[in-house]
Amino acid sequence: MEAKIEHQLEKIMPEDLARTFESAYHVFQGRTEHMDDLLKHGGVLLRKAAQKFTPTQMVIGIAALAAVAVVLISRADDDDDHDAGHGNRPKIGSGKGN
């Protein structure tokens, strides 16, 4: 019975995902004080995932997550640069004033 409880605790739970994404959201919003939480929750999630996946699956999964993170950060940075440089001017072809 004790082995069954231990096995149950090592499953990836929805709460693990929610905590990790919540911490990542806070860090993405600029609240760097949540970086420790992100590392802690991400580490727990990674440890649990490592038990389920082969090393190749882990490498591919981490690479995919890193690629998505780079794209999201790049888009957010481009949006900030675009908004700061152009103010509130309407976009060309937006139908306003044409």
PDB file of N, CA and C in Angstrom:
ATOM      1  N   MET A   1       0.819  -1.190   0.000  1.00  0.00           N
ATOM      2  CA  MET A   1       0.000   0.000   0.000  1.00  0.00           C
ATOM      3  C   MET A   1       0.868   1.260   0.000  1.00  0.00           C
ATOM      4  N   GLU A   2       1.971   1.215   0.738  1.00  0.00           N
ATOM      5  CA  GLU A   2       2.862   2.372   0.812  1.00  0.00           C
ATOM      6  C   GLU A   2       3.490   2.672  -0.546  1.00  0.00           C
ATOM      7  N   ALA A   3       3.816   1.638  -1.317  1.00  0.00           N
ATOM      8  CA  ALA A   3       4.388   1.828  -2.649  1.00  0.00           C
ATOM      9  C   ALA A   3       3.372   2.485  -3.573  1.00  0.00           C
ATOM     10  N   LYS A   4       2.099   2.140  -3.412  1.00  0.00           N
ATOM     11  CA  LYS A   4       1.042   2.742  -4.231  1.00  0.00           C
ATOM     12  C   LYS A   4       0.919   4.234  -3.930  1.00  0.00           C
ATOM     13  N   ILE A   5       1.011   4.623  -2.691  1.00  0.00           N
ATOM     14  CA  ILE A   5       0.939   6.038  -2.312  1.00  0.00           C
ATOM     15  C   ILE A   5       2.143   6.792  -2.865  1.00  0.00           C
ATOM     16  N   GLU A   6       3.329   6.186  -2.767  1.00  0.00           N
ATOM     17  CA  GLU A   6       4.529   6.809  -3.319  1.00  0.00           C
ATOM     18  C   GLU A   6       4.402   7.006  -4.818  1.00  0.00           C
ATOM     19  N   HIS A   7       3.889   5.998  -5.515  1.00  0.00           N
ATOM     20  CA  HIS A   7       3.709   6.081  -6.966  1.00  0.00           C
ATOM     21  C   HIS A   7       2.705   7.187  -7.301  1.00  0.00           C
ATOM     22  N   GLN A   8       1.660   7.295  -6.506  1.00  0.00           N
ATOM     23  CA  GLN A   8       0.636   8.318  -6.726  1.00  0.00           C
ATOM     24  C   GLN A   8       1.229   9.719  -6.569  1.00  0.00           C
ATOM     25  N   LEU A   9       2.126   9.910  -5.623  1.00  0.00           N
ATOM     26  CA  LEU A   9       2.719  11.215  -5.380  1.00  0.00           C
ATOM     27  C   LEU A   9       3.636  11.656  -6.514  1.00  0.00           C
ATOM     28  N   GLU A  10       4.172  10.717  -7.273  1.00  0.00           N
ATOM     29  CA  GLU A  10       5.110  11.061  -8.326  1.00  0.00           C
ATOM     30  C   GLU A  10       4.444  11.349  -9.670  1.00  0.00           C
ATOM     31  N   LYS A  11       3.127  11.223  -9.748  1.00  0.00           N
ATOM     32  CA  LYS A  11       2.427  11.569 -10.984  1.00  0.00           C
ATOM     33  C   LYS A  11       2.427  13.079 -11.165  1.00  0.00           C
ATOM     34  N   ILE A  12       2.425  13.502 -12.416  1.00  0.00           N
ATOM     35  CA  ILE A  12       2.327  14.930 -12.702  1.00  0.00           C
ATOM     36  C   ILE A  12       0.875  15.338 -12.482  1.00  0.00           C
ATOM     37  N   MET A  13       0.678  16.209 -11.541  1.00  0.00           N
ATOM     38  CA  MET A  13      -0.664  16.642 -11.175  1.00  0.00           C
ATOM     39  C   MET A  13      -0.974  17.979 -11.850  1.00  0.00           C
ATOM     40  N   PRO A  14      -2.242  18.275 -12.061  1.00  0.00           N
ATOM     41  CA  PRO A  14      -2.605  19.571 -12.638  1.00  0.00           C
ATOM     42  C   PRO A  14      -2.088  20.752 -11.802  1.00  0.00           C
ATOM     43  N   GLU A  15      -1.996  20.547 -10.508  1.00  0.00           N
ATOM     44  CA  GLU A  15      -1.490  21.610  -9.637  1.00  0.00           C
ATOM     45  C   GLU A  15      -0.034  21.936  -9.939  1.00  0.00           C
ATOM     46  N   ASP A  16       0.738  20.910 -10.312  1.00  0.00           N
ATOM     47  CA  ASP A  16       2.147  21.132 -10.667  1.00  0.00           C
ATOM     48  C   ASP A  16       2.249  22.046 -11.885  1.00  0.00           C
ATOM     49  N   LEU A  17       1.444  21.751 -12.887  1.00  0.00           N
ATOM     50  CA  LEU A  17       1.435  22.588 -14.089  1.00  0.00           C
ATOM     51  C   LEU A  17       0.953  23.998 -13.772  1.00  0.00           C
ATOM     52  N   ALA A  18      -0.115  24.100 -12.986  1.00  0.00           N
ATOM     53  CA  ALA A  18      -0.678  25.410 -12.660  1.00  0.00           C
ATOM     54  C   ALA A  18       0.334  26.276 -11.903  1.00  0.00           C
ATOM     55  N   ARG A  19       1.011  25.689 -10.929  1.00  0.00           N
ATOM     56  CA  ARG A  19       2.006  26.452 -10.156  1.00  0.00           C
ATOM     57  C   ARG A  19       3.158  26.917 -11.044  1.00  0.00           C
ATOM     58  N   THR A  20       3.607  26.024 -11.919  1.00  0.00           N
ATOM     59  CA  THR A  20       4.729  26.379 -12.796  1.00  0.00           C
ATOM     60  C   THR A  20       4.335  27.496 -13.754  1.00  0.00           C
ATOM     61  N   PHE A  21       3.170  27.370 -14.390  1.00  0.00           N
ATOM     62  CA  PHE A  21       2.728  28.403 -15.326  1.00  0.00           C
ATOM     63  C   PHE A  21       2.429  29.722 -14.622  1.00  0.00           C
ATOM     64  N   GLU A  22       1.885  29.653 -13.417  1.00  0.00           N
ATOM     65  CA  GLU A  22       1.614  30.872 -12.662  1.00  0.00           C
ATOM     66  C   GLU A  22       2.924  31.593 -12.328  1.00  0.00           C
ATOM     67  N   SER A  23       3.918  30.850 -11.892  1.00  0.00           N
ATOM     68  CA  SER A  23       5.216  31.453 -11.586  1.00  0.00           C
ATOM     69  C   SER A  23       5.852  32.033 -12.849  1.00  0.00           C
ATOM     70  N   ALA A  24       5.751  31.302 -13.958  1.00  0.00           N
ATOM     71  CA  ALA A  24       6.311  31.796 -15.218  1.00  0.00           C
ATOM     72  C   ALA A  24       5.604  33.069 -15.658  1.00  0.00           C
ATOM     73  N   TYR A  25       4.301  33.127 -15.472  1.00  0.00           N
ATOM     74  CA  TYR A  25       3.533  34.328 -15.836  1.00  0.00           C
ATOM     75  C   TYR A  25       3.996  35.528 -15.018  1.00  0.00           C
ATOM     76  N   HIS A  26       4.181  35.333 -13.721  1.00  0.00           N
ATOM     77  CA  HIS A  26       4.632  36.434 -12.863  1.00  0.00           C
ATOM     78  C   HIS A  26       6.017  36.927 -13.292  1.00  0.00           C
ATOM     79  N   VAL A  27       6.919  36.006 -13.587  1.00  0.00           N
ATOM     80  CA  VAL A  27       8.263  36.386 -14.018  1.00  0.00           C
ATOM     81  C   VAL A  27       8.193  37.102 -15.363  1.00  0.00           C
ATOM     82  N   PHE A  28       7.356  36.609 -16.277  1.00  0.00           N
ATOM     83  CA  PHE A  28       7.191  37.228 -17.592  1.00  0.00           C
ATOM     84  C   PHE A  28       6.635  38.648 -17.468  1.00  0.00           C
ATOM     85  N   GLN A  29       5.812  38.885 -16.446  1.00  0.00           N
ATOM     86  CA  GLN A  29       5.247  40.206 -16.208  1.00  0.00           C
ATOM     87  C   GLN A  29       6.253  41.153 -15.553  1.00  0.00           C
ATOM     88  N   GLY A  30       7.431  40.658 -15.240  1.00  0.00           N
ATOM     89  CA  GLY A  30       8.471  41.510 -14.677  1.00  0.00           C
ATOM     90  C   GLY A  30       8.626  41.399 -13.174  1.00  0.00           C
ATOM     91  N   ARG A  31       7.884  40.538 -12.540  1.00  0.00           N
ATOM     92  CA  ARG A  31       7.978  40.353 -11.089  1.00  0.00           C
ATOM     93  C   ARG A  31       9.047  39.309 -10.804  1.00  0.00           C
ATOM     94  N   THR A  32      10.289  39.762 -10.799  1.00  0.00           N
ATOM     95  CA  THR A  32      11.420  38.839 -10.681  1.00  0.00           C
ATOM     96  C   THR A  32      11.510  38.165  -9.313  1.00  0.00           C
ATOM     97  N   GLU A  33      10.773  38.656  -8.333  1.00  0.00           N
ATOM     98  CA  GLU A  33      10.798  38.007  -7.022  1.00  0.00           C
ATOM     99  C   GLU A  33      10.178  36.605  -7.080  1.00  0.00           C
ATOM    100  N   HIS A  34       9.469  36.288  -8.162  1.00  0.00           N
ATOM    101  CA  HIS A  34       8.875  34.965  -8.329  1.00  0.00           C
ATOM    102  C   HIS A  34       9.814  33.987  -9.047  1.00  0.00           C
ATOM    103  N   MET A  35      11.031  34.420  -9.348  1.00  0.00           N
ATOM    104  CA  MET A  35      11.981  33.555 -10.051  1.00  0.00           C
ATOM    105  C   MET A  35      12.305  32.307  -9.232  1.00  0.00           C
ATOM    106  N   ASP A  36      12.461  32.445  -7.919  1.00  0.00           N
ATOM    107  CA  ASP A  36      12.735  31.279  -7.070  1.00  0.00           C
ATOM    108  C   ASP A  36      11.588  30.273  -7.133  1.00  0.00           C
ATOM    109  N   ASP A  37      10.349  30.780  -7.110  1.00  0.00           N
ATOM    110  CA  ASP A  37       9.186  29.897  -7.217  1.00  0.00           C
ATOM    111  C   ASP A  37       9.185  29.171  -8.555  1.00  0.00           C
ATOM    112  N   LEU A  38       9.508  29.904  -9.630  1.00  0.00           N
ATOM    113  CA  LEU A  38       9.529  29.293 -10.959  1.00  0.00           C
ATOM    114  C   LEU A  38      10.564  28.174 -11.019  1.00  0.00           C
ATOM    115  N   LEU A  39      11.741  28.421 -10.485  1.00  0.00           N
ATOM    116  CA  LEU A  39      12.782  27.389 -10.490  1.00  0.00           C
ATOM    117  C   LEU A  39      12.373  26.186  -9.648  1.00  0.00           C
ATOM    118  N   LYS A  40      11.759  26.436  -8.499  1.00  0.00           N
ATOM    119  CA  LYS A  40      11.335  25.341  -7.617  1.00  0.00           C
ATOM    120  C   LYS A  40      10.234  24.511  -8.274  1.00  0.00           C
ATOM    121  N   HIS A  41       9.181  25.172  -8.756  1.00  0.00           N
ATOM    122  CA  HIS A  41       8.058  24.449  -9.361  1.00  0.00           C
ATOM    123  C   HIS A  41       8.465  23.794 -10.681  1.00  0.00           C
ATOM    124  N   GLY A  42       9.288  24.484 -11.454  1.00  0.00           N
ATOM    125  CA  GLY A  42       9.773  23.902 -12.700  1.00  0.00           C
ATOM    126  C   GLY A  42      10.644  22.687 -12.452  1.00  0.00           C
ATOM    127  N   GLY A  43      11.450  22.728 -11.400  1.00  0.00           N
ATOM    128  CA  GLY A  43      12.296  21.585 -11.040  1.00  0.00           C
ATOM    129  C   GLY A  43      11.479  20.374 -10.627  1.00  0.00           C
ATOM    130  N   VAL A  44      10.424  20.607  -9.854  1.00  0.00           N
ATOM    131  CA  VAL A  44       9.548  19.511  -9.440  1.00  0.00           C
ATOM    132  C   VAL A  44       8.884  18.899 -10.669  1.00  0.00           C
ATOM    133  N   LEU A  45       8.393  19.757 -11.556  1.00  0.00           N
ATOM    134  CA  LEU A  45       7.742  19.271 -12.774  1.00  0.00           C
ATOM    135  C   LEU A  45       8.725  18.495 -13.650  1.00  0.00           C
ATOM    136  N   LEU A  46       9.927  19.013 -13.762  1.00  0.00           N
ATOM    137  CA  LEU A  46      10.955  18.347 -14.567  1.00  0.00           C
ATOM    138  C   LEU A  46      11.341  16.994 -13.971  1.00  0.00           C
ATOM    139  N   ARG A  47      11.463  16.927 -12.648  1.00  0.00           N
ATOM    140  CA  ARG A  47      11.803  15.667 -11.979  1.00  0.00           C
ATOM    141  C   ARG A  47      10.714  14.625 -12.212  1.00  0.00           C
ATOM    142  N   LYS A  48       9.459  15.031 -12.103  1.00  0.00           N
ATOM    143  CA  LYS A  48       8.365  14.096 -12.324  1.00  0.00           C
ATOM    144  C   LYS A  48       8.295  13.665 -13.789  1.00  0.00           C
ATOM    145  N   ALA A  49       8.530  14.604 -14.701  1.00  0.00           N
ATOM    146  CA  ALA A  49       8.487  14.274 -16.131  1.00  0.00           C
ATOM    147  C   ALA A  49       9.636  13.351 -16.503  1.00  0.00           C
ATOM    148  N   ALA A  50      10.780  13.529 -15.877  1.00  0.00           N
ATOM    149  CA  ALA A  50      11.949  12.707 -16.191  1.00  0.00           C
ATOM    150  C   ALA A  50      11.706  11.238 -15.879  1.00  0.00           C
ATOM    151  N   GLN A  51      10.831  10.963 -14.937  1.00  0.00           N
ATOM    152  CA  GLN A  51      10.531   9.572 -14.597  1.00  0.00           C
ATOM    153  C   GLN A  51       9.655   8.916 -15.651  1.00  0.00           C
ATOM    154  N   LYS A  52       8.921   9.707 -16.406  1.00  0.00           N
ATOM    155  CA  LYS A  52       7.969   9.170 -17.378  1.00  0.00           C
ATOM    156  C   LYS A  52       8.542   9.083 -18.793  1.00  0.00           C
ATOM    157  N   PHE A  53       9.460   9.976 -19.144  1.00  0.00           N
ATOM    158  CA  PHE A  53       9.932  10.088 -20.518  1.00  0.00           C
ATOM    159  C   PHE A  53      11.330   9.510 -20.686  1.00  0.00           C
ATOM    160  N   THR A  54      11.637   9.146 -21.916  1.00  0.00           N
ATOM    161  CA  THR A  54      12.998   8.709 -22.246  1.00  0.00           C
ATOM    162  C   THR A  54      13.883   9.955 -22.344  1.00  0.00           C
ATOM    163  N   PRO A  55      15.200   9.796 -22.281  1.00  0.00           N
ATOM    164  CA  PRO A  55      16.079  10.966 -22.419  1.00  0.00           C
ATOM    165  C   PRO A  55      15.863  11.735 -23.723  1.00  0.00           C
ATOM    166  N   THR A  56      15.603  11.029 -24.806  1.00  0.00           N
ATOM    167  CA  THR A  56      15.368  11.702 -26.087  1.00  0.00           C
ATOM    168  C   THR A  56      14.097  12.547 -26.027  1.00  0.00           C
ATOM    169  N   GLN A  57      13.043  12.012 -25.432  1.00  0.00           N
ATOM    170  CA  GLN A  57      11.800  12.762 -25.296  1.00  0.00           C
ATOM    171  C   GLN A  57      11.998  13.999 -24.418  1.00  0.00           C
ATOM    172  N   MET A  58      12.799  13.862 -23.376  1.00  0.00           N
ATOM    173  CA  MET A  58      13.066  15.007 -22.499  1.00  0.00           C
ATOM    174  C   MET A  58      13.810  16.104 -23.249  1.00  0.00           C
ATOM    175  N   VAL A  59      14.824  15.746 -24.013  1.00  0.00           N
ATOM    176  CA  VAL A  59      15.598  16.733 -24.761  1.00  0.00           C
ATOM    177  C   VAL A  59      14.713  17.446 -25.773  1.00  0.00           C
ATOM    178  N   ILE A  60      13.893  16.695 -26.501  1.00  0.00           N
ATOM    179  CA  ILE A  60      13.008  17.294 -27.499  1.00  0.00           C
ATOM    180  C   ILE A  60      11.970  18.191 -26.817  1.00  0.00           C
ATOM    181  N   GLY A  61      11.431  17.755 -25.704  1.00  0.00           N
ATOM    182  CA  GLY A  61      10.451  18.553 -24.978  1.00  0.00           C
ATOM    183  C   GLY A  61      11.025  19.846 -24.443  1.00  0.00           C
ATOM    184  N   ILE A  62      12.208  19.782 -23.865  1.00  0.00           N
ATOM    185  CA  ILE A  62      12.853  20.988 -23.330  1.00  0.00           C
ATOM    186  C   ILE A  62      13.221  21.940 -24.457  1.00  0.00           C
ATOM    187  N   ALA A  63      13.689  21.394 -25.580  1.00  0.00           N
ATOM    188  CA  ALA A  63      14.014  22.239 -26.731  1.00  0.00           C
ATOM    189  C   ALA A  63      12.763  22.928 -27.268  1.00  0.00           C
ATOM    190  N   ALA A  64      11.653  22.223 -27.312  1.00  0.00           N
ATOM    191  CA  ALA A  64      10.402  22.826 -27.785  1.00  0.00           C
ATOM    192  C   ALA A  64       9.941  23.931 -26.841  1.00  0.00           C
ATOM    193  N   LEU A  65      10.024  23.691 -25.537  1.00  0.00           N
ATOM    194  CA  LEU A  65       9.653  24.724 -24.569  1.00  0.00           C
ATOM    195  C   LEU A  65      10.550  25.949 -24.686  1.00  0.00           C
ATOM    196  N   ALA A  66      11.836  25.725 -24.874  1.00  0.00           N
ATOM    197  CA  ALA A  66      12.765  26.846 -25.020  1.00  0.00           C
ATOM    198  C   ALA A  66      12.458  27.638 -26.288  1.00  0.00           C
ATOM    199  N   ALA A  67      12.132  26.961 -27.375  1.00  0.00           N
ATOM    200  CA  ALA A  67      11.806  27.651 -28.625  1.00  0.00           C
ATOM    201  C   ALA A  67      10.547  28.501 -28.466  1.00  0.00           C
ATOM    202  N   VAL A  68       9.542  27.960 -27.816  1.00  0.00           N
ATOM    203  CA  VAL A  68       8.312  28.718 -27.577  1.00  0.00           C
ATOM    204  C   VAL A  68       8.595  29.925 -26.692  1.00  0.00           C
ATOM    205  N   ALA A  69       9.410  29.750 -25.663  1.00  0.00           N
ATOM    206  CA  ALA A  69       9.743  30.868 -24.781  1.00  0.00           C
ATOM    207  C   ALA A  69      10.477  31.970 -25.533  1.00  0.00           C
ATOM    208  N   VAL A  70      11.403  31.596 -26.399  1.00  0.00           N
ATOM    209  CA  VAL A  70      12.147  32.594 -27.185  1.00  0.00           C
ATOM    210  C   VAL A  70      11.201  33.360 -28.097  1.00  0.00           C
ATOM    211  N   VAL A  71      10.287  32.663 -28.755  1.00  0.00           N
ATOM    212  CA  VAL A  71       9.336  33.332 -29.654  1.00  0.00           C
ATOM    213  C   VAL A  71       8.430  34.282 -28.875  1.00  0.00           C
ATOM    214  N   LEU A  72       7.908  33.836 -27.738  1.00  0.00           N
ATOM    215  CA  LEU A  72       7.025  34.703 -26.941  1.00  0.00           C
ATOM    216  C   LEU A  72       7.751  35.931 -26.421  1.00  0.00           C
ATOM    217  N   ILE A  73       8.962  35.756 -25.947  1.00  0.00           N
ATOM    218  CA  ILE A  73       9.735  36.889 -25.443  1.00  0.00           C
ATOM    219  C   ILE A  73      10.072  37.844 -26.581  1.00  0.00           C
ATOM    220  N   SER A  74      10.405  37.308 -27.735  1.00  0.00           N
ATOM    221  CA  SER A  74      10.714  38.139 -28.896  1.00  0.00           C
ATOM    222  C   SER A  74       9.501  38.954 -29.327  1.00  0.00           C
ATOM    223  N   ARG A  75       8.337  38.308 -29.363  1.00  0.00           N
ATOM    224  CA  ARG A  75       7.115  39.026 -29.748  1.00  0.00           C
ATOM    225  C   ARG A  75       6.775  40.111 -28.737  1.00  0.00           C
ATOM    226  N   ALA A  76       6.907  39.807 -27.466  1.00  0.00           N
ATOM    227  CA  ALA A  76       6.605  40.802 -26.434  1.00  0.00           C
ATOM    228  C   ALA A  76       7.564  41.978 -26.537  1.00  0.00           C
ATOM    229  N   ASP A  77       8.827  41.696 -26.802  1.00  0.00           N
ATOM    230  CA  ASP A  77       9.819  42.755 -26.943  1.00  0.00           C
ATOM    231  C   ASP A  77       9.537  43.606 -28.176  1.00  0.00           C
ATOM    232  N   ASP A  78       9.152  42.959 -29.293  1.00  0.00           N
ATOM    233  CA  ASP A  78       8.817  43.692 -30.509  1.00  0.00           C
ATOM    234  C   ASP A  78       7.587  44.566 -30.296  1.00  0.00           C
ATOM    235  N   ASP A  79       6.590  44.055 -29.578  1.00  0.00           N
ATOM    236  CA  ASP A  79       5.389  44.847 -29.292  1.00  0.00           C
ATOM    237  C   ASP A  79       5.724  46.062 -28.446  1.00  0.00           C
ATOM    238  N   ASP A  80       6.608  45.898 -27.462  1.00  0.00           N
ATOM    239  CA  ASP A  80       7.014  47.028 -26.627  1.00  0.00           C
ATOM    240  C   ASP A  80       7.748  48.070 -27.449  1.00  0.00           C
ATOM    241  N   ASP A  81       8.652  47.624 -28.317  1.00  0.00           N
ATOM    242  CA  ASP A  81       9.391  48.559 -29.171  1.00  0.00           C
ATOM    243  C   ASP A  81       8.457  49.259 -30.138  1.00  0.00           C
ATOM    244  N   HIS A  82       7.507  48.531 -30.690  1.00  0.00           N
ATOM    245  CA  HIS A  82       6.569  49.094 -31.658  1.00  0.00           C
ATOM    246  C   HIS A  82       5.677  50.136 -30.990  1.00  0.00           C
ATOM    247  N   ASP A  83       5.159  49.836 -29.804  1.00  0.00           N
ATOM    248  CA  ASP A  83       4.286  50.767 -29.092  1.00  0.00           C
ATOM    249  C   ASP A  83       5.042  52.012 -28.651  1.00  0.00           C
ATOM    250  N   ALA A  84       6.267  51.861 -28.208  1.00  0.00           N
ATOM    251  CA  ALA A  84       7.052  52.991 -27.729  1.00  0.00           C
ATOM    252  C   ALA A  84       7.467  53.906 -28.876  1.00  0.00           C
ATOM    253  N   GLY A  85       7.710  53.356 -30.037  1.00  0.00           N
ATOM    254  CA  GLY A  85       8.208  54.150 -31.157  1.00  0.00           C
ATOM    255  C   GLY A  85       7.156  54.871 -31.955  1.00  0.00           C
ATOM    256  N   HIS A  86       5.923  54.396 -31.924  1.00  0.00           N
ATOM    257  CA  HIS A  86       4.912  54.966 -32.799  1.00  0.00           C
ATOM    258  C   HIS A  86       3.758  55.620 -32.068  1.00  0.00           C
ATOM    259  N   GLY A  87       3.713  55.558 -30.780  1.00  0.00           N
ATOM    260  CA  GLY A  87       2.628  56.191 -30.045  1.00  0.00           C
ATOM    261  C   GLY A  87       1.303  55.544 -30.371  1.00  0.00           C
ATOM    262  N   ASN A  88       0.273  56.380 -30.567  1.00  0.00           N
ATOM    263  CA  ASN A  88      -1.069  55.869 -30.825  1.00  0.00           C
ATOM    264  C   ASN A  88      -1.502  56.103 -32.260  1.00  0.00           C
ATOM    265  N   ARG A  89      -0.554  56.181 -33.181  1.00  0.00           N
ATOM    266  CA  ARG A  89      -0.928  56.382 -34.579  1.00  0.00           C
ATOM    267  C   ARG A  89      -1.661  55.159 -35.108  1.00  0.00           C
ATOM    268  N   PRO A  90      -2.683  55.364 -35.956  1.00  0.00           N
ATOM    269  CA  PRO A  90      -3.359  54.206 -36.522  1.00  0.00           C
ATOM    270  C   PRO A  90      -2.473  53.482 -37.514  1.00  0.00           C
ATOM    271  N   LYS A  91      -2.688  52.198 -37.658  1.00  0.00           N
ATOM    272  CA  LYS A  91      -1.924  51.415 -38.611  1.00  0.00           C
ATOM    273  C   LYS A  91      -2.382  51.721 -40.026  1.00  0.00           C
ATOM    274  N   ILE A  92      -1.489  51.619 -40.975  1.00  0.00           N
ATOM    275  CA  ILE A  92      -1.816  51.841 -42.374  1.00  0.00           C
ATOM    276  C   ILE A  92      -2.776  50.747 -42.810  1.00  0.00           C
ATOM    277  N   GLY A  93      -3.843  51.147 -43.469  1.00  0.00           N
ATOM    278  CA  GLY A  93      -4.807  50.173 -43.963  1.00  0.00           C
ATOM    279  C   GLY A  93      -5.757  49.690 -42.880  1.00  0.00           C
ATOM    280  N   SER A  94      -5.806  50.353 -41.744  1.00  0.00           N
ATOM    281  CA  SER A  94      -6.681  49.894 -40.676  1.00  0.00           C
ATOM    282  C   SER A  94      -8.115  50.347 -40.884  1.00  0.00           C
ATOM    283  N   GLY A  95      -8.337  51.220 -41.902  1.00  0.00           N
ATOM    284  CA  GLY A  95      -9.697  51.673 -42.171  1.00  0.00           C
ATOM    285  C   GLY A  95     -10.046  52.960 -41.466  1.00  0.00           C
ATOM    286  N   LYS A  96      -9.179  53.430 -40.595  1.00  0.00           N
ATOM    287  CA  LYS A  96      -9.424  54.679 -39.871  1.00  0.00           C
ATOM    288  C   LYS A  96      -8.801  55.822 -40.664  1.00  0.00           C
ATOM    289  N   GLY A  97      -9.615  56.741 -41.097  1.00  0.00           N
ATOM    290  CA  GLY A  97      -9.111  57.927 -41.786  1.00  0.00           C
ATOM    291  C   GLY A  97      -8.762  57.692 -43.226  1.00  0.00           C
ATOM    292  N   ASN A  98      -9.060  56.532 -43.778  1.00  0.00           N
ATOM    293  CA  ASN A  98      -8.770  56.247 -45.170  1.00  0.00           C
ATOM    294  C   ASN A  98      -9.988  56.393 -46.009  1.00  0.00           C
TER     295      ASN A  98
END
